[in-house]
Each structure stands twice: as C-alpha cells, then as structure tokens.
Amino acid sequence: MRPIRTLLVDDEPLARSLLRELLADFPALTVTGEAANGTEALAALQTGAYDVVFLDVQMPDLDGVQVLGRLREAGQPLPLVVFVTAYDQYAVQAFALHAVDYLLKPLDPDRFADCVRRVQQQLRLRQYQARVPELEALLHSWTAPAADYQDQFLVKLPERSFFVPAAEVCYFEASGNGVQLHAAGRHYPLRTALGQLAERLDPAVFLRIHRSCIVNPAHIVDFRHWSHGEYLFRMANGQHVTSSRSYSAGVQQLLKRFA
C-alpha cells in the first residue's frame, strides 16, 4: 500500500514541527508538503497531490475555512481534512465542510492517535468503494436526500461534540434505550430509539434489515445467504450484521440490484 500523502498547513513553524513529530509515530502517513499560509495551501491542494491535510483555521491571509470554500467553488476534489486550531468555535462549521476531525491545540498524543486511526479508516473506506462498482452504480442512481430527511447526526461525548454525515454512517444498531452509530471504525451513542430514528432517515440511503439494525448499503463490502431467508452482510468497518425474515422484502429488493 502506498504511503498516505500528507500536507501540513500552519502559519507557525513550531506548530508544523510538532505535527511532524506526532506523525513520526505513524509511518503510514508521509509528510509530502507544507504550507505556511492559506494562499500556499490553496496552491498545494489544487494539484490534487494529497490524501489528507492537517489544516490550521486562523491564518494571516486566507483562513482554513476559506481555503476549502474556494476549492469547493472550483469543483476541486478534496483530500481528507483535519482542522487543527486553538479555537473551538469553528467546530460546527468545520464538520459542515465534512472535515474528518477537529483537533484543539495543544495537541494531545492520544487524541491525535485517535484522529489518525479515523483518517486511515476513511481512506480504507474509499478503497472499498472503488472495489465495489455495483455499489457505486447504485449510489449514483439514488436521488439526493429530501430536505425533510436527516443528513447528519450530532454525536455528544463528554469531551467534545461533532457531526457525522449520513454518507459516512456504516450502520445504526439498537442498544438498550438508545442507538449506536457505527462510522469510520468507531461507534457512538445517540439519544433516540431506532424506530424514531428510522422515520428521519432517507430510504434511498438507508435500509432496515433487522428490528435492531439499519444499514447504509454503500458500506456493504459483501454478503452471503445465512439461513431461512436471512443474510449475513460484511460492512466496510469489518463488522458483520444479519438481516431477519421480517425485513426480507427490502433486503430482496436490494439484492435484485446486483442480480
């Protein structure tokens, strides 16, 4: 597997040096470029030569949010984005731009390691999707989620809160009186019942396969017949989920797309 090409963007040389030191513990990520301001970052990212960028928010000319905004306006494909900043007020805006993570300075090594794992999981997910052209064709055939459907989910943890876009959700699983959201190799609690959540999900994006499980078919890697009309699905995060006969009609409609 080729190295993960990494761009560091920060107007403080010491901050870029600290990022290099932290990344030294993760040989899969190779620093192949640096930028000291937003203008340099914009030029570097326009080359499309990076898989992930660690991007400072506040910089003298263009800030990190403006850099991403200009790239999106130009239709430029974006690498995975990790915002790195001393300010937490940009978190909601960052995740609205589909940032993978949001790191606060001073950087905590354990928190940084969690971020790197998330980056690697997201890149593996992209590779899975490229290997399953049938799922790509299915994804492109669906219409965009209607405005009434929920297209991102707020995760509230003791140390931070963040949004997970619907496209990144692997599956939802009932857990006690709540729900576990599985995405990017992690799982997070949601304070809602699975039945209530199902009513807010776009049926073109999610499929209920079991009383206790709703999957995103775009994250299905493969599947096999299990027993009595049930199927075992392997998801992109490596976990397996099983359908039940009660929801076989929807599952059969999904499988017909691959016939």
Protein backbone atom coordinates (compact mmCIF):
# COMPACT_ATOMS: atom_id res chain seq x y z
CA MET A 1 0.00 0.00 0.00
CA ARG A 2 1.39 3.38 -0.98
CA PRO A 3 2.09 5.99 1.74
CA ILE A 4 -0.70 8.36 2.69
CA ARG A 5 0.40 11.70 1.21
CA THR A 6 0.04 14.35 3.91
CA LEU A 7 0.04 18.16 3.72
CA LEU A 8 0.69 20.29 6.84
CA VAL A 9 -0.74 23.82 6.85
CA ASP A 10 0.02 26.25 9.68
CA ASP A 11 1.47 29.75 9.77
CA GLU A 12 3.56 28.81 12.84
CA PRO A 13 6.71 26.77 12.03
CA LEU A 14 6.70 25.34 15.56
CA ALA A 15 3.17 24.01 15.08
CA ARG A 16 4.16 22.28 11.82
CA SER A 17 7.22 20.84 13.56
CA LEU A 18 5.05 19.40 16.33
CA LEU A 19 2.74 17.81 13.76
CA ARG A 20 5.75 16.19 12.06
CA GLU A 21 6.91 14.81 15.41
CA LEU A 22 3.50 13.32 16.18
CA LEU A 23 3.19 11.85 12.68
CA ALA A 24 6.59 10.16 13.06
CA ASP A 25 4.80 7.51 15.15
CA PHE A 26 2.56 6.70 12.16
CA PRO A 27 4.76 5.62 9.22
CA ALA A 28 1.71 5.05 7.00
CA LEU A 29 1.36 8.84 6.78
CA THR A 30 4.18 10.59 4.90
CA VAL A 31 4.54 14.37 5.01
CA THR A 32 4.98 15.31 1.36
CA GLY A 33 4.24 19.02 1.61
CA GLU A 34 3.92 22.01 3.92
CA ALA A 35 2.30 25.42 3.63
CA ALA A 36 2.79 28.48 5.83
CA ASN A 37 -0.40 30.32 4.88
CA GLY A 38 -3.75 29.92 3.15
CA THR A 39 -2.50 31.02 -0.26
CA GLU A 40 0.23 28.38 -0.27
CA ALA A 41 -2.26 25.77 0.98
CA LEU A 42 -4.69 26.62 -1.82
CA ALA A 43 -1.99 26.25 -4.46
CA ALA A 44 -0.79 22.94 -3.00
CA LEU A 45 -4.28 21.44 -2.75
CA GLN A 46 -5.15 22.47 -6.29
CA THR A 47 -2.52 19.98 -7.51
CA GLY A 48 -4.59 17.08 -6.14
CA ALA A 49 -1.38 15.50 -4.83
CA TYR A 50 -2.51 14.87 -1.24
CA ASP A 51 -4.64 12.28 0.54
CA VAL A 52 -5.05 14.22 3.80
CA VAL A 53 -4.39 17.76 5.00
CA PHE A 54 -3.91 18.95 8.58
CA LEU A 55 -5.26 22.49 8.23
CA ASP A 56 -4.95 25.43 10.62
CA VAL A 57 -8.08 27.58 10.83
CA GLN A 58 -6.76 31.05 11.61
CA MET A 59 -4.03 32.31 9.25
CA PRO A 60 -3.00 35.80 8.11
CA ASP A 61 -4.35 35.80 4.55
CA LEU A 62 -6.88 33.03 3.83
CA ASP A 63 -8.14 31.05 6.79
CA GLY A 64 -8.63 27.29 6.58
CA VAL A 65 -12.40 27.53 6.04
CA GLN A 66 -11.89 29.99 3.16
CA VAL A 67 -9.32 27.68 1.54
CA LEU A 68 -11.82 24.81 1.49
CA GLY A 69 -14.59 27.11 0.33
CA ARG A 70 -12.59 28.23 -2.71
CA LEU A 71 -11.68 24.67 -3.61
CA ARG A 72 -15.30 23.57 -3.41
CA GLU A 73 -16.45 26.53 -5.51
CA ALA A 74 -13.95 25.50 -8.18
CA GLY A 75 -15.19 21.89 -8.08
CA GLN A 76 -11.78 20.73 -6.89
CA PRO A 77 -11.70 17.22 -5.36
CA LEU A 78 -10.72 17.49 -1.72
CA PRO A 79 -8.46 15.24 0.33
CA LEU A 80 -9.50 14.24 3.84
CA VAL A 81 -9.40 17.34 6.05
CA VAL A 82 -8.38 17.56 9.70
CA PHE A 83 -8.70 21.02 11.21
CA VAL A 84 -6.05 21.93 13.80
CA THR A 85 -6.69 25.08 15.84
CA ALA A 86 -6.59 26.66 19.26
CA TYR A 87 -10.23 27.74 18.95
CA ASP A 88 -13.26 25.50 19.39
CA GLN A 89 -15.89 27.90 17.97
CA TYR A 90 -15.28 26.70 14.41
CA ALA A 91 -16.21 23.06 15.08
CA VAL A 92 -19.75 23.14 13.65
CA GLN A 93 -18.56 25.00 10.55
CA ALA A 94 -15.71 22.50 10.11
CA PHE A 95 -17.97 19.46 10.14
CA ALA A 96 -20.40 21.21 7.81
CA LEU A 97 -17.45 21.14 5.40
CA HIS A 98 -17.15 17.38 6.01
CA ALA A 99 -13.91 17.57 7.97
CA VAL A 100 -12.74 14.18 9.23
CA ASP A 101 -11.78 15.59 12.61
CA TYR A 102 -11.20 18.77 14.61
CA LEU A 103 -8.10 18.89 16.84
CA LEU A 104 -7.56 21.53 19.50
CA LYS A 105 -4.15 22.90 20.39
CA PRO A 106 -2.19 22.00 22.41
CA LEU A 107 -2.39 18.61 20.73
CA ASP A 108 -2.90 15.57 22.94
CA PRO A 109 -0.96 12.50 21.67
CA ASP A 110 -3.79 10.05 22.48
CA ARG A 111 -6.37 12.27 20.82
CA PHE A 112 -4.04 12.66 17.82
CA ALA A 113 -3.67 8.88 17.54
CA ASP A 114 -7.46 8.54 17.51
CA CYS A 115 -7.60 11.10 14.70
CA VAL A 116 -5.01 9.21 12.62
CA ARG A 117 -6.98 5.99 13.01
CA ARG A 118 -10.07 7.81 11.77
CA VAL A 119 -8.15 9.12 8.75
CA GLN A 120 -6.86 5.64 7.90
CA GLN A 121 -10.35 4.16 8.25
CA GLN A 122 -11.80 6.79 5.93
CA LEU A 123 -9.13 6.09 3.30
CA ARG A 124 -9.77 2.35 3.56
CA LEU A 125 -13.46 3.06 3.06
CA ARG A 126 -12.68 4.93 -0.16
CA GLN A 127 -10.71 1.92 -1.36
CA TYR A 128 -13.58 -0.45 -0.54
CA GLN A 129 -15.97 1.71 -2.51
CA ALA A 130 -13.65 1.74 -5.51
CA ARG A 131 -13.55 -2.08 -5.43
CA VAL A 132 -17.30 -2.46 -5.50
CA PRO A 133 -18.51 -0.85 -8.75
CA GLU A 134 -22.01 -2.26 -8.33
CA LEU A 135 -22.44 -0.26 -5.14
CA GLU A 136 -21.07 2.85 -6.82
CA ALA A 137 -23.62 2.48 -9.62
CA LEU A 138 -26.37 2.00 -7.05
CA LEU A 139 -25.26 5.09 -5.15
CA HIS A 140 -25.27 7.23 -8.29
CA SER A 141 -28.75 6.01 -9.22
CA TRP A 142 -30.26 7.32 -6.00
CA THR A 143 -31.59 10.81 -5.70
CA ALA A 144 -30.22 13.26 -3.15
CA PRO A 145 -31.84 13.08 0.29
CA ALA A 146 -35.02 15.09 0.58
CA ALA A 147 -34.84 18.20 2.72
CA ASP A 148 -37.02 16.58 5.40
CA TYR A 149 -34.60 13.70 5.91
CA GLN A 150 -31.74 13.92 8.37
CA ASP A 151 -28.40 14.16 6.52
CA GLN A 152 -26.08 14.41 9.52
CA PHE A 153 -26.13 13.22 13.12
CA LEU A 154 -24.90 15.05 16.20
CA VAL A 155 -22.72 12.94 18.49
CA LYS A 156 -22.35 14.27 22.04
CA LEU A 157 -19.40 12.93 24.02
CA PRO A 158 -18.14 14.16 27.41
CA GLU A 159 -15.07 15.78 25.86
CA ARG A 160 -16.50 17.06 22.57
CA SER A 161 -19.46 17.10 20.19
CA PHE A 162 -19.37 16.67 16.43
CA PHE A 163 -21.47 15.84 13.38
CA VAL A 164 -21.29 12.63 11.34
CA PRO A 165 -22.62 13.00 7.76
CA ALA A 166 -25.17 10.41 6.67
CA ALA A 167 -22.87 9.19 3.88
CA GLU A 168 -20.22 8.22 6.45
CA VAL A 169 -22.59 6.14 8.61
CA CYS A 170 -21.94 2.42 8.19
CA TYR A 171 -24.98 1.26 10.18
CA PHE A 172 -27.16 2.01 13.20
CA GLU A 173 -27.71 -0.58 15.89
CA ALA A 174 -30.22 -0.59 18.73
CA SER A 175 -28.53 -0.55 22.13
CA GLY A 176 -30.69 -0.53 25.26
CA ASN A 177 -32.96 2.50 25.07
CA GLY A 178 -30.72 4.21 22.53
CA VAL A 179 -28.79 3.67 19.33
CA GLN A 180 -25.15 3.06 18.46
CA LEU A 181 -23.95 4.86 15.32
CA HIS A 182 -21.14 2.95 13.58
CA ALA A 183 -18.83 5.01 11.35
CA ALA A 184 -15.12 5.14 10.48
CA GLY A 185 -14.29 2.13 12.63
CA ARG A 186 -15.84 3.69 15.77
CA HIS A 187 -19.26 3.61 17.40
CA TYR A 188 -21.03 6.46 19.15
CA PRO A 189 -24.23 6.68 21.25
CA LEU A 190 -27.29 8.55 20.02
CA ARG A 191 -30.08 9.50 22.39
CA THR A 192 -33.01 8.20 20.36
CA ALA A 193 -34.87 4.98 19.73
CA LEU A 194 -34.14 3.11 16.50
CA GLY A 195 -37.78 3.31 15.41
CA GLN A 196 -37.85 7.09 15.84
CA LEU A 197 -34.54 7.43 14.01
CA ALA A 198 -35.81 5.29 11.12
CA GLU A 199 -38.58 7.80 10.43
CA ARG A 200 -35.97 10.55 9.86
CA LEU A 201 -33.74 8.52 7.51
CA ASP A 202 -33.79 8.74 3.72
CA PRO A 203 -34.94 5.32 2.41
CA ALA A 204 -32.78 5.92 -0.66
CA VAL A 205 -29.70 5.93 1.61
CA PHE A 206 -30.58 3.58 4.47
CA LEU A 207 -32.26 0.18 4.67
CA ARG A 208 -33.68 -1.51 7.75
CA ILE A 209 -32.64 -5.15 7.67
CA HIS A 210 -33.48 -6.16 11.23
CA ARG A 211 -35.61 -4.93 14.13
CA SER A 212 -32.35 -3.76 15.73
CA CYS A 213 -30.28 -2.73 12.69
CA ILE A 214 -30.39 -0.16 9.86
CA VAL A 215 -27.57 -0.24 7.29
CA ASN A 216 -26.15 2.09 4.69
CA PRO A 217 -25.87 -0.21 1.61
CA ALA A 218 -22.99 1.90 0.25
CA HIS A 219 -20.88 0.46 3.10
CA ILE A 220 -21.67 -3.20 2.37
CA VAL A 221 -18.50 -5.00 1.24
CA ASP A 222 -20.03 -8.42 0.58
CA PHE A 223 -22.83 -10.70 1.76
CA ARG A 224 -23.88 -14.35 1.82
CA HIS A 225 -27.01 -16.33 2.48
CA TRP A 226 -27.24 -17.24 6.15
CA SER A 227 -30.39 -19.30 6.78
CA HIS A 228 -34.14 -19.28 6.19
CA GLY A 229 -34.18 -16.08 4.14
CA GLU A 230 -31.61 -14.33 6.30
CA TYR A 231 -28.34 -12.82 5.04
CA LEU A 232 -25.01 -12.03 6.64
CA PHE A 233 -23.53 -8.71 5.49
CA ARG A 234 -19.89 -7.69 5.93
CA MET A 235 -19.60 -3.94 6.36
CA ALA A 236 -16.73 -1.62 5.44
CA ASN A 237 -15.72 -1.29 9.11
CA GLY A 238 -15.10 -5.06 9.27
CA GLN A 239 -18.20 -5.85 11.34
CA HIS A 240 -20.94 -8.30 10.34
CA VAL A 241 -24.69 -7.69 10.60
CA THR A 242 -27.54 -10.12 9.94
CA SER A 243 -30.89 -9.48 8.30
CA SER A 244 -34.10 -11.04 9.58
CA ARG A 245 -37.03 -12.58 7.72
CA SER A 246 -39.30 -9.80 8.97
CA TYR A 247 -37.41 -7.35 6.75
CA SER A 248 -36.69 -9.73 3.87
CA ALA A 249 -38.74 -7.74 1.32
CA GLY A 250 -36.45 -4.74 1.50
CA VAL A 251 -33.36 -6.94 1.52
CA GLN A 252 -34.55 -8.81 -1.56
CA GLN A 253 -35.13 -5.52 -3.38
CA LEU A 254 -31.57 -4.53 -2.55
CA LEU A 255 -30.14 -7.86 -3.73
CA LYS A 256 -32.05 -7.64 -7.04
CA ARG A 257 -29.95 -4.60 -7.91
CA PHE A 258 -26.90 -6.88 -8.01
CA ALA A 259 -28.53 -9.68 -9.99
